[in-house]
């Protein structure tokens, strides 16, 4: 039942985010760091394919009303999921708060990283990620562009509640260079420590997505 409740809460957040997206509202306080620029065209293409598929299946199954309405409902729900994921990513950007960086992905991930635990930050473009213990990769379009190294692990809980410790967090940001600079400035101002900047890494493609 806990899994059902968790999935129900996730669905509720998705519908709420769709309403926020329509109203051009964002969630959370702090400096917003967007990560979905350039993905609108991909979402539009997927929506177009879903609409064509829905119309085609409706025409093919018109003479079988029970199957027709069942497939139609499933197609509409799939379309809502695609739009809901995009909406959640737009209205839930990363947040640079006074004492922490909140790394987010839609309504699925909201990981709070206190400034005093961030030891290193770098601009690093990766297009694929090998699975590794202690690492969290939040790719957008198969890509991450900022890498954070932590002094101590933080606990990340997955969508279904599974907890694991992570010491390296990779995420995507529209303006990765600007985000790296803002993180450095904010931590130096609030914590008084100099964040180690590793030289920007090259484009990396390795392993399988994770």
Protein backbone atom coordinates (compact mmCIF):
# COMPACT_ATOMS: atom_id res chain seq x y z
CA UNK A 1 0.00 0.00 0.00
CA UNK A 2 2.89 2.37 0.68
CA UNK A 3 3.99 2.01 -2.97
CA UNK A 4 0.44 2.80 -4.13
CA UNK A 5 0.31 5.88 -1.89
CA UNK A 6 3.71 7.04 -3.15
CA UNK A 7 2.67 6.68 -6.78
CA UNK A 8 -0.63 8.44 -6.03
CA UNK A 9 1.24 11.38 -4.47
CA UNK A 10 3.51 11.51 -7.50
CA UNK A 11 0.51 11.60 -9.82
CA UNK A 12 -1.03 14.36 -7.71
CA UNK A 13 2.13 16.45 -8.00
CA UNK A 14 2.13 15.92 -11.77
CA UNK A 15 -1.43 17.23 -12.17
CA UNK A 16 -0.65 20.18 -9.88
CA UNK A 17 2.46 20.96 -11.93
CA UNK A 18 0.41 20.93 -15.12
CA UNK A 19 -1.82 23.60 -13.58
CA UNK A 20 1.23 25.61 -12.46
CA UNK A 21 2.74 25.32 -15.94
CA UNK A 22 -0.45 26.62 -17.51
CA UNK A 23 -0.42 29.51 -15.02
CA UNK A 24 3.30 30.17 -15.56
CA UNK A 25 4.10 29.61 -11.87
CA UNK A 26 7.19 28.01 -10.33
CA UNK A 27 7.70 26.19 -7.04
CA UNK A 28 10.20 26.93 -4.29
CA UNK A 29 12.16 29.97 -3.14
CA UNK A 30 15.68 30.89 -4.19
CA UNK A 31 17.66 31.49 -7.36
CA UNK A 32 16.06 29.35 -10.05
CA UNK A 33 18.40 27.37 -12.28
CA UNK A 34 16.50 26.01 -15.27
CA UNK A 35 17.40 22.78 -17.06
CA UNK A 36 14.73 22.26 -19.74
CA UNK A 37 15.65 24.83 -22.37
CA UNK A 38 15.80 23.18 -25.77
CA UNK A 39 13.66 20.23 -24.73
CA UNK A 40 10.39 21.84 -25.79
CA UNK A 41 10.81 20.74 -29.39
CA UNK A 42 11.42 17.14 -28.30
CA UNK A 43 8.31 17.19 -26.13
CA UNK A 44 6.30 18.72 -28.98
CA UNK A 45 7.45 15.95 -31.33
CA UNK A 46 6.45 13.24 -28.84
CA UNK A 47 3.06 14.90 -28.29
CA UNK A 48 2.53 15.06 -32.06
CA UNK A 49 3.26 11.34 -32.42
CA UNK A 50 0.92 10.56 -29.50
CA UNK A 51 -1.89 12.61 -31.06
CA UNK A 52 -1.46 10.91 -34.46
CA UNK A 53 -1.44 7.49 -32.79
CA UNK A 54 -4.57 8.36 -30.80
CA UNK A 55 -6.47 9.50 -33.88
CA UNK A 56 -5.33 6.47 -35.88
CA UNK A 57 -6.33 3.96 -33.21
CA UNK A 58 -9.67 5.70 -32.71
CA UNK A 59 -10.44 5.32 -36.42
CA UNK A 60 -9.34 1.68 -36.51
CA UNK A 61 -11.32 0.67 -33.42
CA UNK A 62 -14.44 2.77 -34.01
CA UNK A 63 -16.57 -0.33 -34.63
CA UNK A 64 -15.47 -1.89 -31.32
CA UNK A 65 -16.68 0.65 -28.73
CA UNK A 66 -15.39 -1.10 -25.59
CA UNK A 67 -11.88 -1.54 -26.96
CA UNK A 68 -12.06 1.88 -28.62
CA UNK A 69 -12.74 3.74 -25.37
CA UNK A 70 -10.22 1.67 -23.41
CA UNK A 71 -7.43 2.41 -25.89
CA UNK A 72 -8.52 6.03 -26.19
CA UNK A 73 -8.34 6.49 -22.40
CA UNK A 74 -4.88 4.89 -22.34
CA UNK A 75 -3.68 7.15 -25.17
CA UNK A 76 -4.97 10.29 -23.45
CA UNK A 77 -3.34 9.24 -20.19
CA UNK A 78 -0.03 8.65 -21.99
CA UNK A 79 -0.28 12.11 -23.52
CA UNK A 80 -0.95 13.59 -20.08
CA UNK A 81 2.14 11.82 -18.70
CA UNK A 82 4.35 13.29 -21.42
CA UNK A 83 3.02 16.80 -20.83
CA UNK A 84 3.10 16.32 -17.07
CA UNK A 85 6.77 15.33 -17.04
CA UNK A 86 7.69 18.36 -19.13
CA UNK A 87 5.55 20.65 -16.96
CA UNK A 88 7.10 19.31 -13.74
CA UNK A 89 10.62 19.87 -15.06
CA UNK A 90 9.76 23.46 -16.02
CA UNK A 91 8.02 24.46 -12.77
CA UNK A 92 10.53 22.64 -10.54
CA UNK A 93 13.95 24.03 -11.54
CA UNK A 94 17.08 23.60 -9.46
CA UNK A 95 17.17 26.13 -6.61
CA UNK A 96 20.17 27.95 -5.14
CA UNK A 97 19.05 28.84 -1.62
CA UNK A 98 20.86 30.82 1.07
CA UNK A 99 22.33 27.72 2.72
CA UNK A 100 21.88 24.91 0.21
CA UNK A 101 21.57 23.88 -3.41
CA UNK A 102 18.43 21.91 -4.21
CA UNK A 103 18.98 19.66 -7.21
CA UNK A 104 15.65 18.61 -8.69
CA UNK A 105 14.16 16.63 -11.54
CA UNK A 106 10.41 17.01 -12.11
CA UNK A 107 8.51 15.72 -9.07
CA UNK A 108 10.79 12.70 -8.76
CA UNK A 109 13.97 14.14 -7.25
CA UNK A 110 14.48 16.99 -4.79
CA UNK A 111 17.90 16.57 -3.19
CA UNK A 112 19.10 19.24 -0.76
CA UNK A 113 22.88 19.77 -0.72
CA UNK A 114 24.07 22.05 2.13
CA UNK A 115 26.68 24.51 0.98
CA UNK A 116 29.20 23.35 3.57
CA UNK A 117 29.14 19.84 2.08
CA UNK A 118 30.02 20.93 -1.45
CA UNK A 119 33.76 20.41 -1.85
CA UNK A 120 34.12 20.76 -5.61
CA UNK A 121 32.13 21.89 -8.62
CA UNK A 122 32.96 21.69 -12.28
CA UNK A 123 31.51 22.17 -15.73
CA UNK A 124 31.54 18.72 -17.27
CA UNK A 125 29.43 17.58 -20.21
CA UNK A 126 28.56 13.88 -20.20
CA UNK A 127 26.23 12.15 -22.63
CA UNK A 128 26.11 8.79 -20.87
CA UNK A 129 26.87 7.54 -17.41
CA UNK A 130 28.18 4.25 -16.07
CA UNK A 131 26.37 3.08 -12.94
CA UNK A 132 28.48 3.53 -9.81
CA UNK A 133 27.92 3.42 -6.07
CA UNK A 134 27.72 6.83 -4.44
CA UNK A 135 26.85 8.68 -7.65
CA UNK A 136 23.57 10.28 -8.74
CA UNK A 137 23.08 11.26 -12.39
CA UNK A 138 20.11 13.45 -13.34
CA UNK A 139 20.37 13.63 -17.11
CA UNK A 140 18.13 15.71 -19.35
CA UNK A 141 18.08 14.53 -22.95
CA UNK A 142 20.77 12.02 -21.99
CA UNK A 143 23.11 14.80 -20.86
CA UNK A 144 24.54 16.24 -17.63
CA UNK A 145 26.66 19.38 -17.61
CA UNK A 146 27.56 20.12 -13.95
CA UNK A 147 29.34 17.80 -11.52
CA UNK A 148 29.37 18.30 -7.73
CA UNK A 149 31.70 16.52 -5.31
CA UNK A 150 30.66 16.40 -1.63
CA UNK A 151 32.75 16.31 1.52
CA UNK A 152 30.26 13.93 3.19
CA UNK A 153 27.56 11.77 1.64
CA UNK A 154 23.92 12.83 1.58
CA UNK A 155 20.98 10.46 1.51
CA UNK A 156 18.97 10.29 -1.70
CA UNK A 157 15.60 8.58 -1.66
CA UNK A 158 14.21 7.27 -4.92
CA UNK A 159 10.66 7.59 -6.13
CA UNK A 160 9.61 4.46 -4.23
CA UNK A 161 11.55 5.37 -1.08
CA UNK A 162 14.75 3.38 -1.59
CA UNK A 163 17.57 5.23 0.18
CA UNK A 164 21.22 5.36 -0.77
CA UNK A 165 24.16 7.61 0.02
CA UNK A 166 25.72 9.72 -2.73
CA UNK A 167 28.95 11.73 -2.78
CA UNK A 168 28.94 12.77 -6.45
CA UNK A 169 25.94 14.47 -8.07
CA UNK A 170 25.72 15.22 -11.77
CA UNK A 171 22.90 17.29 -13.23
CA UNK A 172 22.06 19.38 -16.26
CA UNK A 173 21.64 23.15 -16.35
CA UNK A 174 20.78 25.41 -19.26
CA UNK A 175 23.62 27.81 -18.37
CA UNK A 176 26.13 25.41 -16.87
CA UNK A 177 29.02 27.88 -16.77
CA UNK A 178 26.85 30.48 -15.05
CA UNK A 179 25.54 27.91 -12.57
CA UNK A 180 29.08 26.85 -11.59
CA UNK A 181 30.02 30.49 -10.99
CA UNK A 182 26.88 31.17 -8.97
CA UNK A 183 27.43 28.14 -6.76
CA UNK A 184 30.99 29.24 -6.08
CA UNK A 185 29.99 32.81 -5.26
CA UNK A 186 27.08 31.80 -3.01
CA UNK A 187 29.13 29.32 -0.99
CA UNK A 188 32.04 31.72 -0.59
CA UNK A 189 29.63 34.44 0.56
CA UNK A 190 27.54 32.34 2.95
CA UNK A 191 30.04 29.77 4.25
CA UNK A 192 33.29 31.65 3.79
CA UNK A 193 35.03 28.70 2.16
CA UNK A 194 36.55 28.54 -1.27
CA UNK A 195 35.00 25.85 -3.40
CA UNK A 196 37.49 23.76 -5.31
CA UNK A 197 36.90 24.19 -9.01
CA UNK A 198 38.14 21.34 -11.11
CA UNK A 199 39.06 22.22 -14.67
CA UNK A 200 36.06 21.90 -16.93
CA UNK A 201 35.93 18.36 -18.20
CA UNK A 202 35.64 17.28 -21.82
CA UNK A 203 32.58 15.73 -23.37
CA UNK A 204 32.40 12.17 -22.10
CA UNK A 205 30.47 9.24 -23.49
CA UNK A 206 30.80 6.00 -21.63
CA UNK A 207 28.88 3.00 -20.44
CA UNK A 208 25.11 2.95 -20.33
CA UNK A 209 22.72 5.47 -18.95
CA UNK A 210 22.21 5.40 -15.20
